[in-house]
Amino acid sequence: MSDTVVLLGIVGSGSAAITLRRSDDCLPALRGVTTDGLYRRVRHPMYLSSIVIRLGYLIRHASAHNSVVFAIMMLLYLKRMDYEDCIMGQDDRYVGYARRVRFRLVPGLY
């Protein structure tokens, strides 16, 4: 099961990267607003994919230590999403996009 979860994360990450094209980078910046592919459902599919990959690792290597590391990583991703939404919120197109795509990571949940 863990391999399937990791594979799902890798496919999601690749799909999101292809959709972003040249807008993908390590640091958040105003590079335009992408609304195709997975971005039609959630605002942060790259982060979701990364979380899914790490969840697959946690399933395979379950331990208290890895669970704590995963929880810390989740908190850092949430902070990064806040930061990215703040930067992107300076673009009116992103504001409209965020109104249409309300969920950051999981449709119907968050």
C-alpha atoms as a PDB file:
ATOM      1  CA  MET A   1       0.000   0.000   0.000  1.00  0.00           C
ATOM      2  CA  SER A   2       2.772   2.468   0.833  1.00  0.00           C
ATOM      3  CA  ASP A   3       4.263   2.070  -2.652  1.00  0.00           C
ATOM      4  CA  THR A   4       0.884   2.881  -4.190  1.00  0.00           C
ATOM      5  CA  VAL A   5       0.580   6.026  -2.058  1.00  0.00           C
ATOM      6  CA  VAL A   6       4.082   7.144  -3.041  1.00  0.00           C
ATOM      7  CA  LEU A   7       3.357   6.452  -6.722  1.00  0.00           C
ATOM      8  CA  LEU A   8       0.138   8.458  -6.488  1.00  0.00           C
ATOM      9  CA  GLY A   9       2.114  11.368  -5.025  1.00  0.00           C
ATOM     10  CA  ILE A  10       4.739  11.164  -7.758  1.00  0.00           C
ATOM     11  CA  VAL A  11       2.092  11.135 -10.500  1.00  0.00           C
ATOM     12  CA  GLY A  12       0.343  14.109  -8.889  1.00  0.00           C
ATOM     13  CA  SER A  13       3.597  16.006  -8.583  1.00  0.00           C
ATOM     14  CA  GLY A  14       4.507  15.355 -12.203  1.00  0.00           C
ATOM     15  CA  SER A  15       1.055  16.373 -13.378  1.00  0.00           C
ATOM     16  CA  ALA A  16       1.163  19.616 -11.386  1.00  0.00           C
ATOM     17  CA  ALA A  17       4.686  20.410 -12.640  1.00  0.00           C
ATOM     18  CA  ILE A  18       3.649  19.868 -16.253  1.00  0.00           C
ATOM     19  CA  THR A  19       0.637  22.129 -15.732  1.00  0.00           C
ATOM     20  CA  LEU A  20       2.792  24.872 -14.179  1.00  0.00           C
ATOM     21  CA  ARG A  21       5.305  24.748 -17.028  1.00  0.00           C
ATOM     22  CA  ARG A  22       7.835  27.509 -16.485  1.00  0.00           C
ATOM     23  CA  SER A  23       6.033  28.988 -13.474  1.00  0.00           C
ATOM     24  CA  ASP A  24       7.352  26.229 -11.185  1.00  0.00           C
ATOM     25  CA  ASP A  25      10.082  27.389  -8.818  1.00  0.00           C
ATOM     26  CA  CYS A  26      11.293  26.883  -5.261  1.00  0.00           C
ATOM     27  CA  LEU A  27      10.270  30.329  -4.057  1.00  0.00           C
ATOM     28  CA  PRO A  28       6.736  31.726  -4.281  1.00  0.00           C
ATOM     29  CA  ALA A  29       6.460  34.725  -6.598  1.00  0.00           C
ATOM     30  CA  LEU A  30       3.954  36.348  -8.941  1.00  0.00           C
ATOM     31  CA  ARG A  31       4.505  34.344 -12.124  1.00  0.00           C
ATOM     32  CA  GLY A  32       0.909  34.175 -13.285  1.00  0.00           C
ATOM     33  CA  VAL A  33      -2.064  32.110 -12.214  1.00  0.00           C
ATOM     34  CA  THR A  34      -2.415  28.483 -13.308  1.00  0.00           C
ATOM     35  CA  THR A  35      -5.944  27.074 -13.325  1.00  0.00           C
ATOM     36  CA  ASP A  36      -5.584  23.936 -15.477  1.00  0.00           C
ATOM     37  CA  GLY A  37      -5.192  20.282 -14.514  1.00  0.00           C
ATOM     38  CA  LEU A  38      -5.161  19.546 -10.799  1.00  0.00           C
ATOM     39  CA  TYR A  39      -5.270  23.298 -10.141  1.00  0.00           C
ATOM     40  CA  ARG A  40      -8.962  23.182 -11.083  1.00  0.00           C
ATOM     41  CA  ARG A  41      -9.649  21.187  -7.914  1.00  0.00           C
ATOM     42  CA  VAL A  42      -7.125  22.442  -5.337  1.00  0.00           C
ATOM     43  CA  ARG A  43      -4.883  25.485  -5.090  1.00  0.00           C
ATOM     44  CA  HIS A  44      -1.753  23.632  -3.966  1.00  0.00           C
ATOM     45  CA  PRO A  45      -1.492  20.255  -5.738  1.00  0.00           C
ATOM     46  CA  MET A  46       2.328  20.270  -5.612  1.00  0.00           C
ATOM     47  CA  TYR A  47       2.238  20.453  -1.824  1.00  0.00           C
ATOM     48  CA  LEU A  48      -0.505  17.844  -1.725  1.00  0.00           C
ATOM     49  CA  SER A  49       1.608  15.509  -3.852  1.00  0.00           C
ATOM     50  CA  SER A  50       4.624  16.011  -1.623  1.00  0.00           C
ATOM     51  CA  ILE A  51       2.517  15.307   1.457  1.00  0.00           C
ATOM     52  CA  VAL A  52       1.143  12.128  -0.145  1.00  0.00           C
ATOM     53  CA  ILE A  53       4.673  10.907  -0.931  1.00  0.00           C
ATOM     54  CA  ARG A  54       5.746  11.517   2.658  1.00  0.00           C
ATOM     55  CA  LEU A  55       2.597   9.819   3.921  1.00  0.00           C
ATOM     56  CA  GLY A  56       3.542   6.743   1.888  1.00  0.00           C
ATOM     57  CA  TYR A  57       6.960   6.783   3.543  1.00  0.00           C
ATOM     58  CA  LEU A  58       5.317   7.108   6.966  1.00  0.00           C
ATOM     59  CA  ILE A  59       3.027   4.154   6.242  1.00  0.00           C
ATOM     60  CA  ARG A  60       6.009   2.004   5.270  1.00  0.00           C
ATOM     61  CA  HIS A  61       8.255   3.197   8.115  1.00  0.00           C
ATOM     62  CA  ALA A  62       5.763   3.891  10.886  1.00  0.00           C
ATOM     63  CA  SER A  63       7.326   5.083  14.114  1.00  0.00           C
ATOM     64  CA  ALA A  64       6.763   7.769  16.711  1.00  0.00           C
ATOM     65  CA  HIS A  65       9.782   9.677  15.400  1.00  0.00           C
ATOM     66  CA  ASN A  66       8.573   9.614  11.792  1.00  0.00           C
ATOM     67  CA  SER A  67       5.081  10.633  12.900  1.00  0.00           C
ATOM     68  CA  VAL A  68       6.480  13.672  14.708  1.00  0.00           C
ATOM     69  CA  VAL A  69       8.613  14.597  11.690  1.00  0.00           C
ATOM     70  CA  PHE A  70       5.545  14.235   9.439  1.00  0.00           C
ATOM     71  CA  ALA A  71       3.465  16.472  11.750  1.00  0.00           C
ATOM     72  CA  ILE A  72       6.196  19.141  11.773  1.00  0.00           C
ATOM     73  CA  MET A  73       6.452  18.920   7.990  1.00  0.00           C
ATOM     74  CA  MET A  74       2.676  19.403   7.726  1.00  0.00           C
ATOM     75  CA  LEU A  75       2.860  22.532   9.862  1.00  0.00           C
ATOM     76  CA  LEU A  76       5.651  23.904   7.681  1.00  0.00           C
ATOM     77  CA  TYR A  77       3.639  23.206   4.522  1.00  0.00           C
ATOM     78  CA  LEU A  78       0.637  25.006   6.002  1.00  0.00           C
ATOM     79  CA  LYS A  79       2.805  28.036   6.811  1.00  0.00           C
ATOM     80  CA  ARG A  80       4.283  27.963   3.313  1.00  0.00           C
ATOM     81  CA  MET A  81       0.796  27.836   1.782  1.00  0.00           C
ATOM     82  CA  ASP A  82      -0.198  30.856   3.883  1.00  0.00           C
ATOM     83  CA  TYR A  83       2.888  32.704   2.637  1.00  0.00           C
ATOM     84  CA  GLU A  84       2.269  31.744  -0.977  1.00  0.00           C
ATOM     85  CA  ASP A  85      -1.419  32.721  -0.780  1.00  0.00           C
ATOM     86  CA  CYS A  86      -0.367  36.084   0.674  1.00  0.00           C
ATOM     87  CA  ILE A  87       2.046  36.751  -2.180  1.00  0.00           C
ATOM     88  CA  MET A  88      -0.298  35.486  -4.867  1.00  0.00           C
ATOM     89  CA  GLY A  89      -3.182  37.433  -3.272  1.00  0.00           C
ATOM     90  CA  GLN A  90      -1.608  40.585  -4.700  1.00  0.00           C
ATOM     91  CA  ASP A  91      -2.802  39.448  -8.122  1.00  0.00           C
ATOM     92  CA  ASP A  92      -6.519  40.015  -8.776  1.00  0.00           C
ATOM     93  CA  ARG A  93      -6.598  36.932 -11.011  1.00  0.00           C
ATOM     94  CA  TYR A  94      -5.437  34.798  -8.089  1.00  0.00           C
ATOM     95  CA  VAL A  95      -8.036  36.352  -5.792  1.00  0.00           C
ATOM     96  CA  GLY A  96     -10.752  35.339  -8.278  1.00  0.00           C
ATOM     97  CA  TYR A  97      -9.190  31.902  -8.670  1.00  0.00           C
ATOM     98  CA  ALA A  98      -9.086  31.429  -4.865  1.00  0.00           C
ATOM     99  CA  ARG A  99     -12.785  32.288  -4.693  1.00  0.00           C
ATOM    100  CA  ARG A 100     -13.581  29.647  -7.324  1.00  0.00           C
ATOM    101  CA  VAL A 101     -11.178  27.008  -5.955  1.00  0.00           C
ATOM    102  CA  ARG A 102     -11.795  27.291  -2.237  1.00  0.00           C
ATOM    103  CA  PHE A 103      -9.883  24.216  -1.132  1.00  0.00           C
ATOM    104  CA  ARG A 104      -6.123  24.324  -0.700  1.00  0.00           C
ATOM    105  CA  LEU A 105      -5.287  20.624  -0.531  1.00  0.00           C
ATOM    106  CA  VAL A 106      -8.275  18.254  -0.459  1.00  0.00           C
ATOM    107  CA  PRO A 107     -11.514  19.060  -2.327  1.00  0.00           C
ATOM    108  CA  GLY A 108     -14.423  19.281   0.087  1.00  0.00           C
ATOM    109  CA  LEU A 109     -12.164  19.096   3.144  1.00  0.00           C
ATOM    110  CA  TYR A 110      -9.409  21.721   3.269  1.00  0.00           C
END
